[in-house]
N, C-alpha and C. Protein backbone atom coordinates (compact mmCIF):
# COMPACT_ATOMS: atom_id res chain seq x y z
N UNK A 1 144.82 49.56 -70.99
CA UNK A 1 145.54 50.81 -71.10
C UNK A 1 144.59 51.96 -71.42
N UNK A 2 143.65 51.72 -72.31
CA UNK A 2 142.68 52.76 -72.66
C UNK A 2 141.85 53.15 -71.45
N UNK A 3 141.50 52.19 -70.61
CA UNK A 3 140.73 52.50 -69.40
C UNK A 3 141.52 53.38 -68.45
N UNK A 4 142.81 53.13 -68.30
CA UNK A 4 143.66 53.94 -67.41
C UNK A 4 143.72 55.38 -67.91
N UNK A 5 143.84 55.57 -69.24
CA UNK A 5 143.88 56.92 -69.79
C UNK A 5 142.55 57.62 -69.57
N UNK A 6 141.43 56.89 -69.72
CA UNK A 6 140.10 57.46 -69.51
C UNK A 6 139.94 57.90 -68.05
N UNK A 7 140.38 57.08 -67.11
CA UNK A 7 140.29 57.41 -65.69
C UNK A 7 141.14 58.64 -65.37
N UNK A 8 142.35 58.71 -65.94
CA UNK A 8 143.21 59.87 -65.70
C UNK A 8 142.56 61.14 -66.22
N UNK A 9 141.95 61.09 -67.40
CA UNK A 9 141.28 62.27 -67.94
C UNK A 9 140.12 62.70 -67.06
N UNK A 10 139.32 61.73 -66.61
CA UNK A 10 138.18 62.06 -65.75
C UNK A 10 138.67 62.67 -64.44
N UNK A 11 139.73 62.11 -63.85
CA UNK A 11 140.26 62.63 -62.59
C UNK A 11 140.79 64.04 -62.79
N UNK A 12 141.50 64.29 -63.88
CA UNK A 12 142.03 65.62 -64.15
C UNK A 12 140.88 66.61 -64.32
N UNK A 13 139.80 66.19 -64.98
CA UNK A 13 138.65 67.08 -65.18
C UNK A 13 137.98 67.39 -63.84
N UNK A 14 137.82 66.40 -62.99
CA UNK A 14 137.21 66.62 -61.69
C UNK A 14 138.06 67.54 -60.83
N UNK A 15 139.36 67.34 -60.82
CA UNK A 15 140.25 68.17 -60.01
C UNK A 15 140.25 69.61 -60.50
N UNK A 16 140.03 69.82 -61.80
CA UNK A 16 140.06 71.17 -62.36
C UNK A 16 138.74 71.90 -62.16
N UNK A 17 137.67 71.21 -61.75
CA UNK A 17 136.39 71.88 -61.57
C UNK A 17 136.45 72.85 -60.41
N UNK A 18 135.73 73.96 -60.50
CA UNK A 18 135.81 74.99 -59.46
C UNK A 18 135.21 74.52 -58.13
N UNK A 19 135.74 75.07 -57.06
CA UNK A 19 135.20 74.78 -55.73
C UNK A 19 133.83 75.43 -55.60
N UNK A 20 132.97 74.88 -54.75
CA UNK A 20 131.65 75.50 -54.57
C UNK A 20 131.79 76.91 -53.98
N UNK A 21 130.85 77.75 -54.31
CA UNK A 21 130.87 79.13 -53.81
C UNK A 21 130.80 79.13 -52.29
N UNK A 22 131.45 80.09 -51.69
CA UNK A 22 131.44 80.21 -50.23
C UNK A 22 130.11 80.75 -49.72
N UNK A 23 129.50 81.69 -50.45
CA UNK A 23 128.27 82.34 -50.00
C UNK A 23 127.13 82.12 -50.98
N UNK A 24 125.93 81.95 -50.44
CA UNK A 24 124.71 81.90 -51.23
C UNK A 24 123.87 83.11 -50.85
N UNK A 25 123.36 83.80 -51.86
CA UNK A 25 122.51 84.97 -51.67
C UNK A 25 121.13 84.62 -52.20
N UNK A 26 120.11 84.87 -51.39
CA UNK A 26 118.75 84.58 -51.81
C UNK A 26 117.75 85.28 -50.91
N UNK A 27 116.49 84.87 -51.00
CA UNK A 27 115.42 85.47 -50.21
C UNK A 27 114.77 84.42 -49.32
N UNK A 28 114.25 84.89 -48.19
CA UNK A 28 113.51 83.99 -47.31
C UNK A 28 112.03 84.05 -47.67
N UNK A 29 111.20 83.41 -46.88
CA UNK A 29 109.75 83.34 -47.16
C UNK A 29 109.09 84.71 -47.17
N UNK A 30 109.64 85.66 -46.43
CA UNK A 30 109.06 87.01 -46.37
C UNK A 30 109.63 87.94 -47.42
N UNK A 31 110.58 87.46 -48.21
CA UNK A 31 111.19 88.29 -49.23
C UNK A 31 112.43 89.03 -48.76
N UNK A 32 112.85 88.80 -47.53
CA UNK A 32 114.06 89.43 -46.99
C UNK A 32 115.29 88.77 -47.61
N UNK A 33 116.28 89.58 -47.93
CA UNK A 33 117.50 89.06 -48.52
C UNK A 33 118.36 88.39 -47.45
N UNK A 34 118.92 87.24 -47.78
CA UNK A 34 119.75 86.45 -46.87
C UNK A 34 121.08 86.14 -47.54
N UNK A 35 122.14 86.17 -46.74
CA UNK A 35 123.45 85.68 -47.15
C UNK A 35 123.87 84.64 -46.12
N UNK A 36 124.35 83.51 -46.62
CA UNK A 36 124.87 82.49 -45.71
C UNK A 36 126.04 81.78 -46.36
N UNK A 37 127.06 81.51 -45.56
CA UNK A 37 128.19 80.76 -46.09
C UNK A 37 127.84 79.27 -46.10
N UNK A 38 128.61 78.50 -46.85
CA UNK A 38 128.28 77.08 -47.03
C UNK A 38 128.41 76.27 -45.76
N UNK A 39 129.12 76.77 -44.76
CA UNK A 39 129.26 76.07 -43.49
C UNK A 39 128.23 76.53 -42.46
N UNK A 40 127.46 77.54 -42.79
CA UNK A 40 126.43 78.04 -41.88
C UNK A 40 126.99 78.84 -40.72
N UNK A 41 128.18 79.40 -40.88
CA UNK A 41 128.83 80.13 -39.78
C UNK A 41 128.75 81.64 -39.92
N UNK A 42 128.63 82.14 -41.15
CA UNK A 42 128.64 83.58 -41.41
C UNK A 42 127.45 83.91 -42.30
N UNK A 43 126.78 85.02 -42.00
CA UNK A 43 125.68 85.46 -42.85
C UNK A 43 124.78 86.41 -42.12
N UNK A 44 123.64 86.69 -42.71
CA UNK A 44 122.70 87.58 -42.06
C UNK A 44 121.53 87.92 -42.95
N UNK A 45 120.65 88.75 -42.41
CA UNK A 45 119.48 89.27 -43.12
C UNK A 45 119.79 90.69 -43.58
N UNK A 46 119.31 91.05 -44.77
CA UNK A 46 119.63 92.35 -45.34
C UNK A 46 118.38 93.02 -45.90
N UNK A 47 118.39 94.34 -45.88
CA UNK A 47 117.23 95.12 -46.32
C UNK A 47 117.02 95.05 -47.82
N UNK A 48 118.10 94.84 -48.59
CA UNK A 48 117.97 94.78 -50.04
C UNK A 48 119.08 93.93 -50.64
N UNK A 49 118.94 93.66 -51.92
CA UNK A 49 119.90 92.81 -52.62
C UNK A 49 121.29 93.43 -52.64
N UNK A 50 121.37 94.73 -52.86
CA UNK A 50 122.68 95.39 -52.92
C UNK A 50 123.44 95.23 -51.61
N UNK A 51 122.75 95.36 -50.48
CA UNK A 51 123.40 95.20 -49.18
C UNK A 51 123.87 93.76 -48.99
N UNK A 52 123.07 92.80 -49.41
CA UNK A 52 123.45 91.39 -49.28
C UNK A 52 124.67 91.08 -50.13
N UNK A 53 124.68 91.55 -51.35
CA UNK A 53 125.81 91.31 -52.23
C UNK A 53 127.07 92.03 -51.74
N UNK A 54 126.90 93.23 -51.21
CA UNK A 54 128.03 93.98 -50.66
C UNK A 54 128.67 93.21 -49.49
N UNK A 55 127.84 92.71 -48.59
CA UNK A 55 128.35 91.94 -47.45
C UNK A 55 129.12 90.71 -47.93
N UNK A 56 128.52 89.95 -48.85
CA UNK A 56 129.18 88.74 -49.34
C UNK A 56 130.50 89.08 -50.02
N UNK A 57 130.51 90.14 -50.82
CA UNK A 57 131.74 90.54 -51.52
C UNK A 57 132.83 90.93 -50.53
N UNK A 58 132.48 91.69 -49.51
CA UNK A 58 133.47 92.10 -48.51
C UNK A 58 134.03 90.89 -47.77
N UNK A 59 133.18 89.93 -47.46
CA UNK A 59 133.61 88.74 -46.71
C UNK A 59 134.55 87.84 -47.50
N UNK A 60 134.44 87.86 -48.82
CA UNK A 60 135.29 86.97 -49.63
C UNK A 60 136.29 87.75 -50.49
N UNK A 61 136.64 88.95 -50.03
CA UNK A 61 137.64 89.77 -50.72
C UNK A 61 137.28 90.02 -52.19
N UNK A 62 136.00 90.22 -52.45
CA UNK A 62 135.49 90.57 -53.78
C UNK A 62 135.80 89.52 -54.85
N UNK A 63 135.82 88.25 -54.45
CA UNK A 63 136.03 87.16 -55.40
C UNK A 63 134.66 86.68 -55.88
N UNK A 64 134.26 87.00 -57.11
CA UNK A 64 132.92 86.64 -57.58
C UNK A 64 132.67 85.14 -57.61
N UNK A 65 133.71 84.33 -57.69
CA UNK A 65 133.53 82.87 -57.70
C UNK A 65 133.05 82.35 -56.35
N UNK A 66 133.19 83.15 -55.30
CA UNK A 66 132.77 82.75 -53.96
C UNK A 66 131.33 83.13 -53.64
N UNK A 67 130.60 83.71 -54.60
CA UNK A 67 129.22 84.14 -54.36
C UNK A 67 128.33 83.52 -55.42
N UNK A 68 127.24 82.89 -54.97
CA UNK A 68 126.25 82.36 -55.92
C UNK A 68 124.87 82.81 -55.49
N UNK A 69 123.95 82.83 -56.42
CA UNK A 69 122.55 83.18 -56.15
C UNK A 69 121.78 81.89 -55.94
N UNK A 70 120.84 81.91 -55.03
CA UNK A 70 119.92 80.79 -54.88
C UNK A 70 119.13 80.67 -56.17
N UNK A 71 118.74 79.47 -56.55
CA UNK A 71 117.98 79.30 -57.79
C UNK A 71 116.68 80.12 -57.78
N UNK A 72 116.31 80.63 -58.94
CA UNK A 72 115.09 81.41 -59.08
C UNK A 72 113.89 80.60 -58.58
N UNK A 73 113.04 81.23 -57.80
CA UNK A 73 111.86 80.56 -57.29
C UNK A 73 112.10 79.72 -56.06
N UNK A 74 113.28 79.81 -55.46
CA UNK A 74 113.56 79.05 -54.25
C UNK A 74 113.57 79.98 -53.05
N UNK A 75 113.49 79.38 -51.89
CA UNK A 75 113.49 80.13 -50.64
C UNK A 75 114.68 79.67 -49.82
N UNK A 76 115.43 80.62 -49.32
CA UNK A 76 116.62 80.33 -48.51
C UNK A 76 116.31 80.70 -47.08
N UNK A 77 116.75 79.89 -46.14
CA UNK A 77 116.62 80.28 -44.74
C UNK A 77 117.99 80.26 -44.09
N UNK A 78 118.07 80.73 -42.88
CA UNK A 78 119.38 80.84 -42.22
C UNK A 78 119.96 79.49 -41.82
N UNK A 79 119.24 78.41 -42.05
CA UNK A 79 119.80 77.08 -41.83
C UNK A 79 120.47 76.56 -43.09
N UNK A 80 120.46 77.36 -44.16
CA UNK A 80 121.09 76.96 -45.40
C UNK A 80 120.25 76.08 -46.29
N UNK A 81 119.00 75.84 -45.90
CA UNK A 81 118.12 74.97 -46.65
C UNK A 81 117.47 75.75 -47.78
N UNK A 82 117.58 75.26 -48.97
CA UNK A 82 116.91 75.88 -50.11
C UNK A 82 115.68 75.05 -50.42
N UNK A 83 114.51 75.68 -50.37
CA UNK A 83 113.24 75.00 -50.57
C UNK A 83 112.61 75.53 -51.85
N UNK A 84 112.21 74.68 -52.78
CA UNK A 84 111.51 75.18 -53.98
C UNK A 84 110.28 75.99 -53.57
N UNK A 85 110.09 77.13 -54.18
CA UNK A 85 109.00 78.03 -53.83
C UNK A 85 107.65 77.35 -53.93
N UNK A 86 107.48 76.44 -54.86
CA UNK A 86 106.19 75.78 -55.05
C UNK A 86 105.83 74.87 -53.89
N UNK A 87 106.78 74.53 -53.01
CA UNK A 87 106.50 73.66 -51.87
C UNK A 87 106.04 74.43 -50.63
N UNK A 88 105.92 75.74 -50.70
CA UNK A 88 105.51 76.52 -49.54
C UNK A 88 104.01 76.42 -49.35
N UNK A 89 103.58 76.42 -48.10
CA UNK A 89 102.14 76.35 -47.78
C UNK A 89 101.73 77.56 -47.00
């Protein structure tokens, strides 16, 4: 019985966790700002961070939960691949 209650609590916690952000904002190898959705269907290159964030906000009806930043020191490309900056040659 205790195991069943533990499983129910874990399942409830997992179901309550937020969905992944729809858009990731970051920089490419040249320092250009990139926005890409998690499915790789919508995005683009932007002249500055403000323009990238504005685009992402407009696309997701200004829902901040749908926008995330690429981790500091990583490189984002239009294929959605995040590469640690230290791995660049």
